[in-house]
Every structure is written in C-alpha cells, then in structure tokens.
Amino acid sequence: MFGAVEAGGTKFVLAVGHGHDAIVAQTQIPTTTPAETLARAIGWFQQQGAVAALGIASFGPVDLDPASPSWGHVTDTPKAGWSQTNVAARLGDAIGCPVGFDTDVNGAAIGEYLHGAARGCDVAIYVTVGTGIGGGAVIGGHTVKGVRHPEMGHVMLQRHPQDRDFAGACPVHGDCLEGLASGPAIKARWGASLSELPADHVAHDVIADYLAQFCQTLIALYSPQRIIMGGGVMQTSGLLDRVRDKASARAGRYFGVDASTIIMPPGLGTGAGIAGAFALAGRALHGER
C-alpha cells in the first residue's frame, strides 16, 4: 500500500492504494493553515493503516534539492502562512515511511508520462491553467529540476493588440503569462471567467493567443512530443482547439512538427496529480528523491 498527496493551494487530495488504478480510499480536505491541514492529513492516513511510502505533489515554490537542509519544504510561497513549511518531514515522520516529493505540476507530468497522454514520450510537458499557471517537464522519465524548479507561468509574452491597457495580475512580474492568462487575470479585466463570457468575446482570442505563444516557446526550448494542457481555464469550450490552431500558425513547420498535433488534454483528466504522487511514493520506496 502506498499513500499519495496532491497538495494544492485550495485543497489536499489524499489517497491510499496499490497505485493510481487501484485506489482503496480517497478523500480531500481544504487547505487552511499548515498546522490544521497537515494534522488532518496525518489523522486520515493513520486511520487507513500502514503504508510503505508516501508521495507528495505539492504547490510551491518548494525545495527539491535532496542535499538541501530545506528539502521537502514549501519555501517563499504567496500562500499565506505556508512559507518555510516542512511538508515532507511532517507527514513522513508522523506516518512513519519514506517520502517522495515534487511540485504539483511535475507530479501531474509524471502521472501523464507513466499512464496518460504522454506515454511513450521521451520529452513531455504538463501545463495547468487555472488560478495560477504552472508547468512541469519530464525528460527521459525524470522531472526537470534545477536551482529550484521551472516556473513556466512567469515567461514574458508579446501583448495582444486588443489587450494593451491591462497591467497584468502577477504581483511580481505584472504581465507575464500568469499575469495575463490565469483565471484571476481574466476576471480582473472582463469581470467573469472565460467560460462565462460569450463565445464571440475578444477574451477567447486573446487568451488563446497567449497560450499559443507559450506553446511555441515550449516547443522551441524542449522539442516535446506532447504538451498536455489541464486546469480550470482549459475547460472552456473551444479553447484547446483555438490554442492548437494559433500555435500551429505561429510555429509554422520550422520545428519539424505541426504544433497542433502535440497539444493535448490530460489523458487522466483530473487524476494526473494523484497518479504522479503514487509514482513518487514508489520511487521513494527505492530510495529515489
């Protein structure tokens, strides 16, 4: 039995089972304070019985350096009260098992690589577009890490000609991708979510263009065989097809592939993150961090 945690900024999804397709029990709890949230998670796992290892795919930023004394911590996060929280050790010590730890988007990327739309790919990218925008990359079966981890939502873009006046919603970078195309950024300038706006509203073209620019950037940087796009904003009817068409037009044939053929929805739906957490648990059992 393995334990799995998809630790998000609004909720924690908790599961135990033999893998993503053999879940014995699953629940979710709201993300409140670290003390309350982690105590509730520990209590739930303890009620389920012993697990051999625990995998955690967490919101961030987080420390993923195995040699760092703050490995397993949520670091300088904008989530109030969570900065410098040692998530991995608190859960692992209380439950009494080894812990695998990565970002939530890296977890989703590894879940899709192993079981979803990126199976068989050497290079794949998972992107979530919702309250924030983030991305995880898997190359040769391993997620990309570096000084910290990729922050794909904070790339800079060319402004759409019909979106010149909005300053952007990112408190640090202003009009980065997250500052322009996240759910809160959409609502800040048009007063509603993208799915609530009429199909002919200019917002659909603007957001699709920003996401297509981002996909072109990913193709240029990583040459991925799949770009998987999930998250609440991507549930908007017609958005994925708009992004595909615009990315294909922007990229042309220069990169050796029609961009529209590699941009996909998640094969696991909303289950990619928890599938990745189970994979992290399995790797932790064999001493991998």
C-alpha atoms as a PDB file:
ATOM      1  CA  MET A   1       0.000   0.000   0.000  1.00  0.00           C
ATOM      2  CA  PHE A   2       1.180   3.487  -0.873  1.00  0.00           C
ATOM      3  CA  GLY A   3      -0.007   6.893   0.261  1.00  0.00           C
ATOM      4  CA  ALA A   4      -0.434   9.788  -2.152  1.00  0.00           C
ATOM      5  CA  VAL A   5      -0.987  13.507  -1.590  1.00  0.00           C
ATOM      6  CA  GLU A   6      -1.835  16.132  -4.182  1.00  0.00           C
ATOM      7  CA  ALA A   7      -1.265  19.261  -2.111  1.00  0.00           C
ATOM      8  CA  GLY A   8      -2.953  22.237  -3.724  1.00  0.00           C
ATOM      9  CA  GLY A   9      -3.444  25.797  -2.628  1.00  0.00           C
ATOM     10  CA  THR A  10      -7.176  25.275  -2.102  1.00  0.00           C
ATOM     11  CA  LYS A  11      -7.393  21.581  -1.214  1.00  0.00           C
ATOM     12  CA  PHE A  12      -5.346  18.487  -0.403  1.00  0.00           C
ATOM     13  CA  VAL A  13      -6.340  15.263  -2.166  1.00  0.00           C
ATOM     14  CA  LEU A  14      -5.325  12.214  -0.105  1.00  0.00           C
ATOM     15  CA  ALA A  15      -5.320   8.602  -1.281  1.00  0.00           C
ATOM     16  CA  VAL A  16      -4.067   5.152  -0.338  1.00  0.00           C
ATOM     17  CA  GLY A  17      -3.829   2.172  -2.623  1.00  0.00           C
ATOM     18  CA  HIS A  18      -1.604  -0.006  -4.743  1.00  0.00           C
ATOM     19  CA  GLY A  19      -1.387   2.611  -7.494  1.00  0.00           C
ATOM     20  CA  HIS A  20      -3.410   5.209  -9.376  1.00  0.00           C
ATOM     21  CA  ASP A  21      -5.670   2.499 -10.809  1.00  0.00           C
ATOM     22  CA  ALA A  22      -6.025   0.557  -7.548  1.00  0.00           C
ATOM     23  CA  ILE A  23      -7.048   3.223  -5.020  1.00  0.00           C
ATOM     24  CA  VAL A  24      -8.531   1.786  -1.832  1.00  0.00           C
ATOM     25  CA  ALA A  25      -9.596   5.066  -0.201  1.00  0.00           C
ATOM     26  CA  GLN A  26      -9.525   8.718  -1.216  1.00  0.00           C
ATOM     27  CA  THR A  27     -10.673  11.995   0.306  1.00  0.00           C
ATOM     28  CA  GLN A  28      -9.992  15.702   0.145  1.00  0.00           C
ATOM     29  CA  ILE A  29      -9.598  18.381   2.781  1.00  0.00           C
ATOM     30  CA  PRO A  30      -9.430  22.178   2.468  1.00  0.00           C
ATOM     31  CA  THR A  31      -6.028  23.871   2.563  1.00  0.00           C
ATOM     32  CA  THR A  32      -6.219  26.108   5.622  1.00  0.00           C
ATOM     33  CA  THR A  33      -3.273  26.665   7.982  1.00  0.00           C
ATOM     34  CA  PRO A  34      -0.287  24.319   7.823  1.00  0.00           C
ATOM     35  CA  ALA A  35      -0.930  23.036  11.349  1.00  0.00           C
ATOM     36  CA  GLU A  36      -4.594  22.263  10.724  1.00  0.00           C
ATOM     37  CA  THR A  37      -4.200  20.889   7.206  1.00  0.00           C
ATOM     38  CA  LEU A  38      -1.252  18.621   7.943  1.00  0.00           C
ATOM     39  CA  ALA A  39      -2.822  17.378  11.190  1.00  0.00           C
ATOM     40  CA  ARG A  40      -5.973  16.406   9.322  1.00  0.00           C
ATOM     41  CA  ALA A  41      -3.943  14.684   6.610  1.00  0.00           C
ATOM     42  CA  ILE A  42      -1.905  12.752   9.179  1.00  0.00           C
ATOM     43  CA  GLY A  43      -5.036  11.700  11.031  1.00  0.00           C
ATOM     44  CA  TRP A  44      -6.661  10.415   7.860  1.00  0.00           C
ATOM     45  CA  PHE A  45      -3.613   8.398   6.799  1.00  0.00           C
ATOM     46  CA  GLN A  46      -3.265   6.904  10.260  1.00  0.00           C
ATOM     47  CA  GLN A  47      -6.845   5.676  10.040  1.00  0.00           C
ATOM     48  CA  GLN A  48      -6.074   3.855   6.782  1.00  0.00           C
ATOM     49  CA  GLY A  49      -3.327   1.624   8.189  1.00  0.00           C
ATOM     50  CA  ALA A  50       0.347   1.297   7.340  1.00  0.00           C
ATOM     51  CA  VAL A  51       1.723   2.498   4.010  1.00  0.00           C
ATOM     52  CA  ALA A  52       5.103   1.514   2.587  1.00  0.00           C
ATOM     53  CA  ALA A  53       5.877   5.002   1.257  1.00  0.00           C
ATOM     54  CA  LEU A  54       4.226   8.356   0.687  1.00  0.00           C
ATOM     55  CA  GLY A  55       4.328  10.537  -2.425  1.00  0.00           C
ATOM     56  CA  ILE A  56       3.592  14.265  -2.253  1.00  0.00           C
ATOM     57  CA  ALA A  57       2.983  16.500  -5.273  1.00  0.00           C
ATOM     58  CA  SER A  58       2.825  19.979  -3.751  1.00  0.00           C
ATOM     59  CA  PHE A  59       2.006  23.552  -4.638  1.00  0.00           C
ATOM     60  CA  GLY A  60       5.048  25.757  -4.350  1.00  0.00           C
ATOM     61  CA  PRO A  61       7.537  27.116  -4.643  1.00  0.00           C
ATOM     62  CA  VAL A  62       9.247  24.151  -2.984  1.00  0.00           C
ATOM     63  CA  ASP A  63      12.803  22.951  -2.321  1.00  0.00           C
ATOM     64  CA  LEU A  64      13.566  19.832  -4.387  1.00  0.00           C
ATOM     65  CA  ASP A  65      17.322  19.631  -3.796  1.00  0.00           C
ATOM     66  CA  PRO A  66      17.999  16.331  -1.950  1.00  0.00           C
ATOM     67  CA  ALA A  67      21.201  17.806  -0.479  1.00  0.00           C
ATOM     68  CA  SER A  68      19.451  20.867   0.920  1.00  0.00           C
ATOM     69  CA  PRO A  69      18.512  21.098   4.617  1.00  0.00           C
ATOM     70  CA  SER A  70      15.170  22.512   3.496  1.00  0.00           C
ATOM     71  CA  TRP A  71      14.348  19.702   1.056  1.00  0.00           C
ATOM     72  CA  GLY A  72      10.645  18.969   1.225  1.00  0.00           C
ATOM     73  CA  HIS A  73       9.699  22.487   2.356  1.00  0.00           C
ATOM     74  CA  VAL A  74       7.242  24.842   0.772  1.00  0.00           C
ATOM     75  CA  THR A  75       9.501  27.896   0.569  1.00  0.00           C
ATOM     76  CA  ASP A  76       8.653  31.533  -0.221  1.00  0.00           C
ATOM     77  CA  THR A  77       5.081  30.946  -1.303  1.00  0.00           C
ATOM     78  CA  PRO A  78       2.387  33.627  -1.656  1.00  0.00           C
ATOM     79  CA  LYS A  79       0.015  31.211   0.119  1.00  0.00           C
ATOM     80  CA  ALA A  80      -0.474  32.928   3.483  1.00  0.00           C
ATOM     81  CA  GLY A  81       1.142  31.142   6.416  1.00  0.00           C
ATOM     82  CA  TRP A  82       2.781  28.368   4.391  1.00  0.00           C
ATOM     83  CA  SER A  83       6.240  29.802   3.741  1.00  0.00           C
ATOM     84  CA  GLN A  84       9.041  27.556   5.068  1.00  0.00           C
ATOM     85  CA  THR A  85       6.631  24.733   5.969  1.00  0.00           C
ATOM     86  CA  ASN A  86       8.341  21.336   6.088  1.00  0.00           C
ATOM     87  CA  VAL A  87       5.571  19.331   4.435  1.00  0.00           C
ATOM     88  CA  ALA A  88       7.571  16.192   3.594  1.00  0.00           C
ATOM     89  CA  ALA A  89       9.084  15.648   7.055  1.00  0.00           C
ATOM     90  CA  ARG A  90       5.911  16.428   8.986  1.00  0.00           C
ATOM     91  CA  LEU A  91       3.896  13.900   7.032  1.00  0.00           C
ATOM     92  CA  GLY A  92       6.629  11.300   6.635  1.00  0.00           C
ATOM     93  CA  ASP A  93       7.704  11.336  10.291  1.00  0.00           C
ATOM     94  CA  ALA A  94       4.141  11.108  11.573  1.00  0.00           C
ATOM     95  CA  ILE A  95       3.151   8.314   9.211  1.00  0.00           C
ATOM     96  CA  GLY A  96       6.496   6.535   9.569  1.00  0.00           C
ATOM     97  CA  CYS A  97       7.576   5.936   5.979  1.00  0.00           C
ATOM     98  CA  PRO A  98       9.895   7.244   3.255  1.00  0.00           C
ATOM     99  CA  VAL A  99       8.632  10.222   1.248  1.00  0.00           C
ATOM    100  CA  GLY A 100       8.850  11.222  -2.403  1.00  0.00           C
ATOM    101  CA  PHE A 101       8.357  14.940  -3.025  1.00  0.00           C
ATOM    102  CA  ASP A 102       7.925  17.103  -6.115  1.00  0.00           C
ATOM    103  CA  THR A 103       5.846  20.006  -7.397  1.00  0.00           C
ATOM    104  CA  ASP A 104       2.173  19.527  -8.203  1.00  0.00           C
ATOM    105  CA  VAL A 105       2.742  20.137 -11.914  1.00  0.00           C
ATOM    106  CA  ASN A 106       5.773  17.842 -12.007  1.00  0.00           C
ATOM    107  CA  GLY A 107       3.619  15.228 -10.316  1.00  0.00           C
ATOM    108  CA  ALA A 108       0.932  15.641 -12.962  1.00  0.00           C
ATOM    109  CA  ALA A 109       3.581  15.478 -15.679  1.00  0.00           C
ATOM    110  CA  ILE A 110       4.978  12.201 -14.368  1.00  0.00           C
ATOM    111  CA  GLY A 111       1.458  10.803 -13.990  1.00  0.00           C
ATOM    112  CA  GLU A 112       0.685  11.596 -17.630  1.00  0.00           C
ATOM    113  CA  TYR A 113       4.075  10.245 -18.723  1.00  0.00           C
ATOM    114  CA  LEU A 114       3.508   6.911 -16.992  1.00  0.00           C
ATOM    115  CA  HIS A 115      -0.211   6.397 -17.506  1.00  0.00           C
ATOM    116  CA  GLY A 116      -1.779   9.123 -19.638  1.00  0.00           C
ATOM    117  CA  ALA A 117      -1.409  11.164 -22.800  1.00  0.00           C
ATOM    118  CA  ALA A 118       2.416  11.254 -22.672  1.00  0.00           C
ATOM    119  CA  ARG A 119       3.062   7.509 -22.531  1.00  0.00           C
ATOM    120  CA  GLY A 120       5.971   6.563 -24.771  1.00  0.00           C
ATOM    121  CA  CYS A 121       7.319  10.110 -24.976  1.00  0.00           C
ATOM    122  CA  ASP A 122      10.937  10.979 -24.242  1.00  0.00           C
ATOM    123  CA  VAL A 123      10.030  14.633 -23.625  1.00  0.00           C
ATOM    124  CA  ALA A 124       6.653  15.839 -22.377  1.00  0.00           C
ATOM    125  CA  ILE A 125       5.324  18.998 -20.750  1.00  0.00           C
ATOM    126  CA  TYR A 126       2.293  19.296 -18.476  1.00  0.00           C
ATOM    127  CA  VAL A 127       0.737  22.766 -18.150  1.00  0.00           C
ATOM    128  CA  THR A 128      -2.041  23.796 -15.794  1.00  0.00           C
ATOM    129  CA  VAL A 129      -4.008  26.983 -16.476  1.00  0.00           C
ATOM    130  CA  GLY A 130      -6.225  27.954 -13.568  1.00  0.00           C
ATOM    131  CA  THR A 131      -5.910  30.170 -10.506  1.00  0.00           C
ATOM    132  CA  GLY A 132      -2.218  30.216 -11.403  1.00  0.00           C
ATOM    133  CA  ILE A 133      -0.274  28.880 -14.369  1.00  0.00           C
ATOM    134  CA  GLY A 134       2.480  26.318 -13.949  1.00  0.00           C
ATOM    135  CA  GLY A 135       4.271  23.672 -15.935  1.00  0.00           C
ATOM    136  CA  GLY A 136       6.291  20.538 -15.347  1.00  0.00           C
ATOM    137  CA  ALA A 137       8.659  18.844 -17.781  1.00  0.00           C
ATOM    138  CA  VAL A 138       9.547  15.150 -17.947  1.00  0.00           C
ATOM    139  CA  ILE A 139      12.672  14.173 -19.872  1.00  0.00           C
ATOM    140  CA  GLY A 140      13.656  10.513 -20.023  1.00  0.00           C
ATOM    141  CA  GLY A 141      11.282   9.674 -17.188  1.00  0.00           C
ATOM    142  CA  HIS A 142      12.616  12.300 -14.783  1.00  0.00           C
ATOM    143  CA  THR A 143      11.140  15.677 -13.929  1.00  0.00           C
ATOM    144  CA  VAL A 144      13.236  18.760 -14.624  1.00  0.00           C
ATOM    145  CA  LYS A 145      14.740  20.427 -11.569  1.00  0.00           C
ATOM    146  CA  GLY A 146      17.495  22.977 -11.219  1.00  0.00           C
ATOM    147  CA  VAL A 147      18.213  25.842  -8.858  1.00  0.00           C
ATOM    148  CA  ARG A 148      14.638  25.286  -7.722  1.00  0.00           C
ATOM    149  CA  HIS A 149      12.198  24.097 -10.379  1.00  0.00           C
ATOM    150  CA  PRO A 150      10.702  25.576 -13.547  1.00  0.00           C
ATOM    151  CA  GLU A 151       8.276  28.472 -13.127  1.00  0.00           C
ATOM    152  CA  MET A 152       6.792  28.296 -16.593  1.00  0.00           C
ATOM    153  CA  GLY A 153       3.862  30.546 -15.802  1.00  0.00           C
ATOM    154  CA  HIS A 154       6.171  33.533 -15.461  1.00  0.00           C
ATOM    155  CA  VAL A 155       7.522  33.714 -19.011  1.00  0.00           C
ATOM    156  CA  MET A 156       7.030  37.041 -20.786  1.00  0.00           C
ATOM    157  CA  LEU A 157       4.925  37.366 -23.940  1.00  0.00           C
ATOM    158  CA  GLN A 158       4.101  39.723 -26.787  1.00  0.00           C
ATOM    159  CA  ARG A 159       0.979  41.691 -25.897  1.00  0.00           C
ATOM    160  CA  HIS A 160      -2.118  41.033 -27.966  1.00  0.00           C
ATOM    161  CA  PRO A 161      -3.100  44.166 -29.954  1.00  0.00           C
ATOM    162  CA  GLN A 162      -6.528  44.183 -28.269  1.00  0.00           C
ATOM    163  CA  ASP A 163      -5.076  43.788 -24.769  1.00  0.00           C
ATOM    164  CA  ARG A 164      -2.662  46.692 -24.409  1.00  0.00           C
ATOM    165  CA  ASP A 165      -4.035  48.507 -21.373  1.00  0.00           C
ATOM    166  CA  PHE A 166      -4.231  45.788 -18.705  1.00  0.00           C
ATOM    167  CA  ALA A 167      -1.168  45.985 -16.436  1.00  0.00           C
ATOM    168  CA  GLY A 168      -1.285  42.301 -15.513  1.00  0.00           C
ATOM    169  CA  ALA A 169      -2.289  40.452 -12.360  1.00  0.00           C
ATOM    170  CA  CYS A 170       1.055  38.990 -11.273  1.00  0.00           C
ATOM    171  CA  PRO A 171       2.255  40.903  -8.181  1.00  0.00           C
ATOM    172  CA  VAL A 172       5.891  40.334  -9.146  1.00  0.00           C
ATOM    173  CA  HIS A 173       6.081  40.390 -12.951  1.00  0.00           C
ATOM    174  CA  GLY A 174       2.878  42.156 -13.949  1.00  0.00           C
ATOM    175  CA  ASP A 175       2.089  40.955 -17.462  1.00  0.00           C
ATOM    176  CA  CYS A 176       3.823  37.579 -17.505  1.00  0.00           C
ATOM    177  CA  LEU A 177       1.779  34.595 -18.755  1.00  0.00           C
ATOM    178  CA  GLU A 178       0.169  34.050 -15.342  1.00  0.00           C
ATOM    179  CA  GLY A 179      -0.483  37.775 -15.029  1.00  0.00           C
ATOM    180  CA  LEU A 180      -2.337  37.772 -18.350  1.00  0.00           C
ATOM    181  CA  ALA A 181      -3.988  34.369 -18.835  1.00  0.00           C
ATOM    182  CA  SER A 182      -4.745  32.916 -15.392  1.00  0.00           C
ATOM    183  CA  GLY A 183      -8.298  32.756 -14.086  1.00  0.00           C
ATOM    184  CA  PRO A 184      -7.904  35.811 -11.801  1.00  0.00           C
ATOM    185  CA  ALA A 185      -6.282  37.813 -14.636  1.00  0.00           C
ATOM    186  CA  ILE A 186      -9.212  37.044 -16.928  1.00  0.00           C
ATOM    187  CA  LYS A 187     -11.757  38.035 -14.314  1.00  0.00           C
ATOM    188  CA  ALA A 188      -9.833  41.206 -13.399  1.00  0.00           C
ATOM    189  CA  ARG A 189     -10.313  42.772 -16.822  1.00  0.00           C
ATOM    190  CA  TRP A 190     -13.511  41.182 -18.129  1.00  0.00           C
ATOM    191  CA  GLY A 191     -15.456  40.611 -14.903  1.00  0.00           C
ATOM    192  CA  ALA A 192     -16.144  36.913 -15.455  1.00  0.00           C
ATOM    193  CA  SER A 193     -14.421  33.610 -16.059  1.00  0.00           C
ATOM    194  CA  LEU A 194     -13.568  32.745 -19.656  1.00  0.00           C
ATOM    195  CA  SER A 195     -16.243  30.043 -19.770  1.00  0.00           C
ATOM    196  CA  GLU A 196     -18.872  32.595 -18.673  1.00  0.00           C
ATOM    197  CA  LEU A 197     -18.075  35.060 -21.466  1.00  0.00           C
ATOM    198  CA  PRO A 198     -19.910  34.845 -24.836  1.00  0.00           C
ATOM    199  CA  ALA A 199     -18.219  32.692 -27.468  1.00  0.00           C
ATOM    200  CA  ASP A 200     -17.559  35.735 -29.659  1.00  0.00           C
ATOM    201  CA  HIS A 201     -15.982  37.776 -26.839  1.00  0.00           C
ATOM    202  CA  VAL A 202     -12.487  39.061 -27.609  1.00  0.00           C
ATOM    203  CA  ALA A 203     -11.160  37.388 -24.448  1.00  0.00           C
ATOM    204  CA  HIS A 204     -11.259  33.972 -26.117  1.00  0.00           C
ATOM    205  CA  ASP A 205      -8.943  35.136 -28.893  1.00  0.00           C
ATOM    206  CA  VAL A 206      -6.640  36.996 -26.505  1.00  0.00           C
ATOM    207  CA  ILE A 207      -6.178  34.108 -24.070  1.00  0.00           C
ATOM    208  CA  ALA A 208      -5.766  31.550 -26.843  1.00  0.00           C
ATOM    209  CA  ASP A 209      -3.070  33.725 -28.407  1.00  0.00           C
ATOM    210  CA  TYR A 210      -1.115  33.995 -25.152  1.00  0.00           C
ATOM    211  CA  LEU A 211      -1.281  30.246 -24.568  1.00  0.00           C
ATOM    212  CA  ALA A 212      -0.284  29.573 -28.186  1.00  0.00           C
ATOM    213  CA  GLN A 213       2.756  31.830 -27.778  1.00  0.00           C
ATOM    214  CA  PHE A 214       3.650  29.846 -24.680  1.00  0.00           C
ATOM    215  CA  CYS A 215       3.310  26.540 -26.531  1.00  0.00           C
ATOM    216  CA  GLN A 216       5.586  27.828 -29.289  1.00  0.00           C
ATOM    217  CA  THR A 217       8.139  28.770 -26.628  1.00  0.00           C
ATOM    218  CA  LEU A 218       7.945  25.289 -25.099  1.00  0.00           C
ATOM    219  CA  ILE A 219       8.419  23.679 -28.498  1.00  0.00           C
ATOM    220  CA  ALA A 220      11.455  25.858 -29.186  1.00  0.00           C
ATOM    221  CA  LEU A 221      13.024  25.125 -25.773  1.00  0.00           C
ATOM    222  CA  TYR A 222      12.235  21.457 -25.206  1.00  0.00           C
ATOM    223  CA  SER A 223      11.154  19.926 -28.561  1.00  0.00           C
ATOM    224  CA  PRO A 224       8.469  17.950 -26.712  1.00  0.00           C
ATOM    225  CA  GLN A 225       6.431  15.136 -28.206  1.00  0.00           C
ATOM    226  CA  ARG A 226       3.468  16.203 -26.058  1.00  0.00           C
ATOM    227  CA  ILE A 227       2.247  19.405 -24.449  1.00  0.00           C
ATOM    228  CA  ILE A 228      -0.625  18.472 -22.139  1.00  0.00           C
ATOM    229  CA  MET A 229      -2.864  21.338 -21.068  1.00  0.00           C
ATOM    230  CA  GLY A 230      -5.054  20.992 -17.982  1.00  0.00           C
ATOM    231  CA  GLY A 231      -6.580  23.218 -15.317  1.00  0.00           C
ATOM    232  CA  GLY A 232      -9.889  25.005 -14.920  1.00  0.00           C
ATOM    233  CA  VAL A 233      -9.437  27.645 -17.621  1.00  0.00           C
ATOM    234  CA  MET A 234      -8.710  24.924 -20.191  1.00  0.00           C
ATOM    235  CA  GLN A 235     -12.187  23.509 -19.574  1.00  0.00           C
ATOM    236  CA  THR A 236     -13.592  26.464 -21.538  1.00  0.00           C
ATOM    237  CA  SER A 237     -15.390  25.157 -24.603  1.00  0.00           C
ATOM    238  CA  GLY A 238     -13.294  25.554 -27.754  1.00  0.00           C
ATOM    239  CA  LEU A 239     -10.201  26.939 -26.036  1.00  0.00           C
ATOM    240  CA  LEU A 240      -7.928  23.961 -26.670  1.00  0.00           C
ATOM    241  CA  ASP A 241      -8.768  23.990 -30.384  1.00  0.00           C
ATOM    242  CA  ARG A 242      -8.119  27.742 -30.566  1.00  0.00           C
ATOM    243  CA  VAL A 243      -4.732  27.253 -28.897  1.00  0.00           C
ATOM    244  CA  ARG A 244      -3.862  24.426 -31.289  1.00  0.00           C
ATOM    245  CA  ASP A 245      -4.768  26.474 -34.360  1.00  0.00           C
ATOM    246  CA  LYS A 246      -2.908  29.571 -33.221  1.00  0.00           C
ATOM    247  CA  ALA A 247       0.172  27.616 -32.095  1.00  0.00           C
ATOM    248  CA  SER A 248       0.299  25.850 -35.446  1.00  0.00           C
ATOM    249  CA  ALA A 249       0.035  29.149 -37.326  1.00  0.00           C
ATOM    250  CA  ARG A 250       2.677  30.806 -35.166  1.00  0.00           C
ATOM    251  CA  ALA A 251       5.191  27.958 -35.230  1.00  0.00           C
ATOM    252  CA  GLY A 252       4.771  27.036 -38.883  1.00  0.00           C
ATOM    253  CA  ARG A 253       6.797  23.984 -39.889  1.00  0.00           C
ATOM    254  CA  TYR A 254      10.094  25.312 -38.594  1.00  0.00           C
ATOM    255  CA  PHE A 255      10.257  22.970 -35.585  1.00  0.00           C
ATOM    256  CA  GLY A 256       9.682  19.793 -37.580  1.00  0.00           C
ATOM    257  CA  VAL A 257       6.179  19.203 -36.277  1.00  0.00           C
ATOM    258  CA  ASP A 258       2.711  20.658 -36.626  1.00  0.00           C
ATOM    259  CA  ALA A 259       2.229  22.193 -33.179  1.00  0.00           C
ATOM    260  CA  SER A 260      -1.477  21.342 -33.202  1.00  0.00           C
ATOM    261  CA  THR A 261      -0.719  17.606 -33.227  1.00  0.00           C
ATOM    262  CA  ILE A 262       1.229  17.588 -29.952  1.00  0.00           C
ATOM    263  CA  ILE A 263      -1.044  19.821 -27.820  1.00  0.00           C
ATOM    264  CA  MET A 264      -3.390  17.512 -25.910  1.00  0.00           C
ATOM    265  CA  PRO A 265      -5.835  17.443 -22.987  1.00  0.00           C
ATOM    266  CA  PRO A 266      -4.813  15.286 -19.994  1.00  0.00           C
ATOM    267  CA  GLY A 267      -5.296  11.590 -20.606  1.00  0.00           C
ATOM    268  CA  LEU A 268      -6.023  11.116 -16.898  1.00  0.00           C
ATOM    269  CA  GLY A 269      -8.395  14.059 -16.580  1.00  0.00           C
ATOM    270  CA  THR A 270      -8.176  15.496 -13.087  1.00  0.00           C
ATOM    271  CA  GLY A 271      -6.371  12.384 -11.828  1.00  0.00           C
ATOM    272  CA  ALA A 272      -2.897  13.182 -13.190  1.00  0.00           C
ATOM    273  CA  GLY A 273      -1.620  14.758  -9.967  1.00  0.00           C
ATOM    274  CA  ILE A 274      -2.605  11.904  -7.681  1.00  0.00           C
ATOM    275  CA  ALA A 275      -1.244   9.376 -10.209  1.00  0.00           C
ATOM    276  CA  GLY A 276       2.069  11.212 -10.089  1.00  0.00           C
ATOM    277  CA  ALA A 277       2.019  11.192  -6.295  1.00  0.00           C
ATOM    278  CA  PHE A 278       1.653   7.400  -6.316  1.00  0.00           C
ATOM    279  CA  ALA A 279       4.640   7.215  -8.665  1.00  0.00           C
ATOM    280  CA  LEU A 280       6.673   9.408  -6.290  1.00  0.00           C
ATOM    281  CA  ALA A 281       5.808   7.034  -3.443  1.00  0.00           C
ATOM    282  CA  GLY A 282       7.030   4.060  -5.430  1.00  0.00           C
ATOM    283  CA  ARG A 283      10.292   5.804  -6.224  1.00  0.00           C
ATOM    284  CA  ALA A 284      10.759   6.818  -2.594  1.00  0.00           C
ATOM    285  CA  LEU A 285      10.449   3.172  -1.536  1.00  0.00           C
ATOM    286  CA  HIS A 286      13.540   2.512  -3.669  1.00  0.00           C
ATOM    287  CA  GLY A 287      15.485   5.438  -2.234  1.00  0.00           C
ATOM    288  CA  GLU A 288      14.873   7.945  -5.027  1.00  0.00           C
ATOM    289  CA  ARG A 289      14.309  11.633  -4.274  1.00  0.00           C
END
